[in-house]
Amino acid sequence: MKTKLKQFLSDIDEDIVVADGLDNAFVGLANTKDGIVAVYQIDLVVVELMEDKGMTIDEAEEYIDFKISSEYVGPRTPLFLNYIPKEFWKDFSIEDIQ
C-alpha cells in the first residue's frame, strides 16, 4: 500500500525514489541532471528516528551518516538537506573569521 507521500510523488513522476519510513522528514523536490529527486531534511530525519525507533540523537545521527545519506540507490537517490536557518548566517561578515 502506498503512503500519501508515495502517491503524491508518483503522480508527479513515478520514478522518484522515496526514503521508506521518513515521510515526515520530506521537505520537497529538486531537479537534477537525472530527473526529479525527493529531498529530506536531516534534522527531521533525526526526530523521526528518535520517535519511531527509540534512538538517541547520537545514534540517529550515526545511523543517518552510515545507513541513509551515504546510500546510493541509483541516479534518482534522494537528497538529504542540512537546513541552516537564516539567523545563523544573515549577519555574517568576512571579518568574523579573520
Protein backbone atom coordinates (compact mmCIF):
# COMPACT_ATOMS: atom_id res chain seq x y z
CA MET A 1 0.00 0.00 0.00
CA LYS A 2 1.32 3.42 -0.94
CA THR A 3 1.69 6.17 1.62
CA LYS A 4 0.18 9.56 0.83
CA LEU A 5 3.67 10.83 0.04
CA LYS A 6 4.43 7.97 -2.37
CA GLN A 7 1.10 8.50 -4.11
CA PHE A 8 1.68 12.26 -4.33
CA LEU A 9 5.18 11.82 -5.78
CA SER A 10 4.18 9.07 -8.20
CA ASP A 11 1.56 11.44 -9.61
CA ILE A 12 4.41 13.88 -10.35
CA ASP A 13 6.94 11.32 -11.59
CA GLU A 14 6.66 7.59 -10.93
CA ASP A 15 10.47 7.21 -10.90
CA ILE A 16 11.04 9.42 -7.84
CA VAL A 17 12.74 7.33 -5.15
CA VAL A 18 11.46 7.80 -1.61
CA ALA A 19 13.18 7.02 1.68
CA ASP A 20 10.92 4.48 3.35
CA GLY A 21 9.61 5.46 6.76
CA LEU A 22 10.77 9.06 6.53
CA ASP A 23 7.62 10.74 5.17
CA ASN A 24 7.59 13.31 7.99
CA ALA A 25 11.11 14.42 7.02
CA PHE A 26 10.22 15.05 3.36
CA VAL A 27 10.55 18.76 2.52
CA GLY A 28 10.44 18.99 -1.25
CA LEU A 29 11.82 18.11 -4.63
CA ALA A 30 14.98 19.01 -6.51
CA ASN A 31 15.72 18.94 -10.21
CA THR A 32 18.95 17.17 -11.11
CA LYS A 33 20.51 16.18 -14.40
CA ASP A 34 18.99 12.72 -13.88
CA GLY A 35 15.49 13.96 -13.07
CA ILE A 36 13.42 15.00 -10.09
CA VAL A 37 14.58 13.68 -6.70
CA ALA A 38 12.99 13.73 -3.25
CA VAL A 39 14.58 15.96 -0.61
CA TYR A 40 14.59 15.20 3.11
CA GLN A 41 15.67 17.48 5.96
CA ILE A 42 18.26 15.77 8.16
CA ASP A 43 17.13 17.25 11.47
CA LEU A 44 13.63 15.97 10.73
CA VAL A 45 15.09 12.54 9.92
CA VAL A 46 16.78 12.61 13.35
CA VAL A 47 13.42 13.34 15.01
CA GLU A 48 11.75 10.57 13.01
CA LEU A 49 14.38 8.02 14.06
CA MET A 50 14.23 9.09 17.69
CA GLU A 51 10.44 8.87 17.81
CA ASP A 52 9.90 5.76 15.70
CA LYS A 53 12.97 3.70 16.56
CA GLY A 54 13.75 4.97 20.06
CA MET A 55 17.25 6.13 19.10
CA THR A 56 19.22 8.76 20.95
CA ILE A 57 20.27 11.82 18.98
CA ASP A 58 23.81 10.42 18.63
CA GLU A 59 22.52 7.05 17.45
CA ALA A 60 20.19 8.73 14.95
CA GLU A 61 22.97 10.94 13.54
CA GLU A 62 25.31 7.96 13.20
CA TYR A 63 22.57 5.90 11.56
CA ILE A 64 21.92 8.70 9.08
CA ASP A 65 25.63 9.01 8.25
CA PHE A 66 26.20 5.30 7.69
CA LYS A 67 22.83 3.90 6.61
CA ILE A 68 20.81 6.65 4.99
CA SER A 69 22.65 9.63 3.48
CA SER A 70 25.58 7.52 2.26
CA GLU A 71 23.37 5.02 0.40
CA TYR A 72 23.26 5.20 -3.37
CA VAL A 73 20.18 3.66 -4.95
CA GLY A 74 20.72 4.95 -8.45
CA PRO A 75 20.70 8.31 -10.20
CA ARG A 76 17.45 9.32 -8.51
CA THR A 77 18.76 8.75 -4.96
CA PRO A 78 17.07 11.18 -2.54
CA LEU A 79 18.98 14.20 -1.27
CA PHE A 80 19.42 14.93 2.43
CA LEU A 81 19.49 18.61 3.33
CA ASN A 82 21.20 20.23 6.29
CA TYR A 83 18.91 23.19 6.85
CA ILE A 84 20.69 26.30 8.15
CA PRO A 85 18.27 28.94 9.45
CA LYS A 86 18.79 32.49 8.24
CA GLU A 87 19.59 33.79 11.72
CA PHE A 88 22.82 31.74 11.68
CA TRP A 89 24.24 33.48 8.64
CA LYS A 90 22.32 36.69 7.89
CA ASP A 91 24.64 38.90 9.95
CA PHE A 92 27.80 37.02 8.93
CA SER A 93 30.75 39.13 7.92
CA ILE A 94 34.06 38.01 6.43
CA GLU A 95 35.74 39.94 9.24
CA ASP A 96 34.17 37.46 11.68
CA ILE A 97 36.59 34.74 10.54
CA GLN A 98 39.75 36.81 10.14
